[in-house]
């Protein structure tokens, strides 16, 4: 499974269950993922993107999504 698939699976679980590994998420929060791990939870998409890019500048890596979207 590649990174995109892993991130997508994690995002779907968070959006469906509003939780992952004991961490709870709220509708409208913006979550940043890298290698299938939550690296940031922010109030806006821009901040979540900045969190990913701060760890990996490659635009083909990571995922950012809004919970419930």
N, C-alpha and C. Protein backbone atom coordinates (compact mmCIF):
# COMPACT_ATOMS: atom_id res chain seq x y z
N UNK A 1 0.86 -1.18 0.00
CA UNK A 1 0.00 0.00 0.00
C UNK A 1 0.90 1.24 0.00
N UNK A 2 0.64 2.19 -0.91
CA UNK A 2 1.46 3.39 -0.98
C UNK A 2 0.99 4.46 0.02
N UNK A 3 1.76 5.53 0.13
CA UNK A 3 1.43 6.57 1.13
C UNK A 3 0.05 7.16 0.88
N UNK A 4 -0.29 7.41 -0.37
CA UNK A 4 -1.60 7.99 -0.68
C UNK A 4 -2.72 7.09 -0.17
N UNK A 5 -2.61 5.80 -0.40
CA UNK A 5 -3.63 4.85 0.05
C UNK A 5 -3.72 4.81 1.57
N UNK A 6 -2.58 4.82 2.23
CA UNK A 6 -2.55 4.80 3.70
C UNK A 6 -3.21 6.06 4.24
N UNK A 7 -2.84 7.23 3.71
CA UNK A 7 -3.44 8.48 4.16
C UNK A 7 -4.94 8.49 3.91
N UNK A 8 -5.37 7.99 2.75
CA UNK A 8 -6.80 7.96 2.44
C UNK A 8 -7.56 7.08 3.42
N UNK A 9 -7.00 5.95 3.76
CA UNK A 9 -7.65 5.04 4.73
C UNK A 9 -7.78 5.71 6.09
N UNK A 10 -6.74 6.37 6.54
CA UNK A 10 -6.77 7.08 7.83
C UNK A 10 -7.81 8.21 7.78
N UNK A 11 -7.83 8.97 6.69
CA UNK A 11 -8.79 10.07 6.55
C UNK A 11 -10.23 9.56 6.59
N UNK A 12 -10.50 8.47 5.91
CA UNK A 12 -11.84 7.90 5.92
C UNK A 12 -12.24 7.45 7.31
N UNK A 13 -11.32 6.85 8.04
CA UNK A 13 -11.63 6.41 9.41
C UNK A 13 -11.95 7.62 10.29
N UNK A 14 -11.16 8.66 10.18
CA UNK A 14 -11.40 9.86 10.99
C UNK A 14 -12.75 10.48 10.63
N UNK A 15 -13.05 10.60 9.34
CA UNK A 15 -14.32 11.21 8.92
C UNK A 15 -15.54 10.36 9.28
N UNK A 16 -15.37 9.05 9.32
CA UNK A 16 -16.48 8.16 9.65
C UNK A 16 -16.68 8.00 11.16
N UNK A 17 -15.59 7.93 11.89
CA UNK A 17 -15.65 7.62 13.32
C UNK A 17 -15.39 8.82 14.23
N UNK A 18 -14.82 9.89 13.68
CA UNK A 18 -14.43 11.07 14.45
C UNK A 18 -13.43 10.74 15.55
N UNK A 19 -12.66 9.67 15.31
CA UNK A 19 -11.61 9.28 16.25
C UNK A 19 -10.61 8.38 15.55
N UNK A 20 -9.39 8.34 16.12
CA UNK A 20 -8.35 7.48 15.62
C UNK A 20 -7.36 7.25 16.75
N UNK A 21 -7.13 6.01 17.08
CA UNK A 21 -6.16 5.65 18.13
C UNK A 21 -6.36 6.45 19.41
N UNK A 22 -7.61 6.61 19.81
CA UNK A 22 -7.92 7.30 21.05
C UNK A 22 -8.00 8.81 20.94
N UNK A 23 -7.61 9.38 19.80
CA UNK A 23 -7.70 10.82 19.59
C UNK A 23 -9.04 11.13 18.96
N UNK A 24 -9.73 12.13 19.51
CA UNK A 24 -11.04 12.52 18.97
C UNK A 24 -10.91 13.75 18.09
N UNK A 25 -11.76 13.82 17.08
CA UNK A 25 -11.75 14.92 16.12
C UNK A 25 -13.15 15.53 16.06
N UNK A 26 -13.20 16.82 15.79
CA UNK A 26 -14.46 17.54 15.72
C UNK A 26 -14.77 17.90 14.27
N UNK A 27 -16.05 17.96 13.95
CA UNK A 27 -16.50 18.38 12.64
C UNK A 27 -15.89 19.74 12.31
N UNK A 28 -15.31 19.86 11.13
CA UNK A 28 -14.74 21.13 10.68
C UNK A 28 -13.26 21.31 10.97
N UNK A 29 -12.67 20.44 11.80
CA UNK A 29 -11.24 20.54 12.04
C UNK A 29 -10.49 20.12 10.78
N UNK A 30 -9.33 20.70 10.57
CA UNK A 30 -8.49 20.38 9.42
C UNK A 30 -7.32 19.54 9.92
N UNK A 31 -7.20 18.36 9.34
CA UNK A 31 -6.21 17.38 9.78
C UNK A 31 -5.14 17.23 8.72
N UNK A 32 -3.89 17.24 9.18
CA UNK A 32 -2.75 17.03 8.28
C UNK A 32 -2.18 15.64 8.56
N UNK A 33 -1.98 14.87 7.48
CA UNK A 33 -1.43 13.52 7.59
C UNK A 33 -0.13 13.43 6.81
N UNK A 34 0.78 12.65 7.32
CA UNK A 34 2.02 12.33 6.61
C UNK A 34 2.36 10.90 6.97
N UNK A 35 2.52 10.06 5.96
CA UNK A 35 2.81 8.63 6.17
C UNK A 35 1.76 7.95 7.05
N UNK A 36 0.49 8.37 6.92
CA UNK A 36 -0.59 7.75 7.67
C UNK A 36 -0.67 8.18 9.12
N UNK A 37 0.10 9.18 9.50
CA UNK A 37 0.10 9.66 10.89
C UNK A 37 -0.45 11.08 10.93
N UNK A 38 -1.24 11.36 11.97
CA UNK A 38 -1.74 12.71 12.18
C UNK A 38 -0.58 13.55 12.69
N UNK A 39 -0.26 14.61 11.94
CA UNK A 39 0.84 15.47 12.36
C UNK A 39 0.36 16.82 12.86
N UNK A 40 -0.91 17.18 12.54
CA UNK A 40 -1.46 18.45 13.02
C UNK A 40 -2.97 18.42 12.89
N UNK A 41 -3.61 19.13 13.80
CA UNK A 41 -5.05 19.39 13.73
C UNK A 41 -5.20 20.89 13.89
N UNK A 42 -5.74 21.53 12.88
CA UNK A 42 -5.81 23.00 12.84
C UNK A 42 -7.23 23.46 12.59
N UNK A 43 -7.46 24.76 12.76
CA UNK A 43 -8.78 25.33 12.52
C UNK A 43 -9.00 25.69 11.05
N UNK A 44 -7.90 25.80 10.28
CA UNK A 44 -8.04 26.16 8.87
C UNK A 44 -7.10 25.32 8.01
N UNK A 45 -7.48 25.17 6.75
CA UNK A 45 -6.71 24.33 5.83
C UNK A 45 -5.30 24.85 5.61
N UNK A 46 -5.15 26.17 5.51
CA UNK A 46 -3.83 26.74 5.26
C UNK A 46 -2.84 26.36 6.35
N UNK A 47 -3.25 26.43 7.59
CA UNK A 47 -2.36 26.07 8.71
C UNK A 47 -2.00 24.59 8.66
N UNK A 48 -2.96 23.76 8.27
CA UNK A 48 -2.69 22.32 8.17
C UNK A 48 -1.70 22.04 7.03
N UNK A 49 -1.85 22.72 5.91
CA UNK A 49 -0.91 22.56 4.80
C UNK A 49 0.48 23.00 5.24
N UNK A 50 0.57 24.11 5.94
CA UNK A 50 1.86 24.59 6.43
C UNK A 50 2.53 23.58 7.35
N UNK A 51 1.74 22.88 8.15
CA UNK A 51 2.28 21.85 9.05
C UNK A 51 2.92 20.72 8.24
N UNK A 52 2.24 20.28 7.19
CA UNK A 52 2.80 19.22 6.34
C UNK A 52 4.07 19.70 5.65
N UNK A 53 4.00 20.87 5.04
CA UNK A 53 5.15 21.40 4.30
C UNK A 53 6.32 21.72 5.22
N UNK A 54 6.05 21.98 6.47
CA UNK A 54 7.13 22.20 7.43
C UNK A 54 7.93 20.94 7.70
N UNK A 55 7.31 19.79 7.51
CA UNK A 55 7.99 18.51 7.71
C UNK A 55 8.49 17.89 6.42
N UNK A 56 7.79 18.18 5.31
CA UNK A 56 8.18 17.62 4.01
C UNK A 56 7.76 18.59 2.92
N UNK A 57 8.71 19.15 2.24
CA UNK A 57 8.42 20.16 1.21
C UNK A 57 7.89 19.56 -0.09
N UNK A 58 7.93 18.24 -0.23
CA UNK A 58 7.48 17.59 -1.45
C UNK A 58 5.96 17.71 -1.57
N UNK A 59 5.45 18.41 -2.59
CA UNK A 59 4.00 18.60 -2.72
C UNK A 59 3.23 17.32 -3.05
N UNK A 60 3.95 16.26 -3.38
CA UNK A 60 3.30 14.97 -3.67
C UNK A 60 3.14 14.10 -2.43
N UNK A 61 3.57 14.61 -1.29
CA UNK A 61 3.47 13.83 -0.05
C UNK A 61 2.50 14.50 0.90
N UNK A 62 1.91 13.69 1.76
CA UNK A 62 1.00 14.20 2.77
C UNK A 62 -0.41 14.38 2.25
N UNK A 63 -1.30 14.66 3.18
CA UNK A 63 -2.71 14.91 2.86
C UNK A 63 -3.28 15.84 3.91
N UNK A 64 -4.15 16.73 3.46
CA UNK A 64 -4.87 17.62 4.37
C UNK A 64 -6.34 17.51 4.01
N UNK A 65 -7.18 17.42 5.04
CA UNK A 65 -8.62 17.31 4.80
C UNK A 65 -9.38 17.92 5.97
N UNK A 66 -10.63 18.25 5.72
CA UNK A 66 -11.51 18.78 6.76
C UNK A 66 -12.40 17.64 7.26
N UNK A 67 -12.46 17.46 8.55
CA UNK A 67 -13.26 16.39 9.15
C UNK A 67 -14.74 16.62 8.79
N UNK A 68 -15.33 15.57 8.28
CA UNK A 68 -16.73 15.63 7.91
C UNK A 68 -16.94 15.96 6.45
N UNK A 69 -15.86 16.25 5.74
CA UNK A 69 -15.98 16.58 4.32
C UNK A 69 -15.81 15.35 3.46
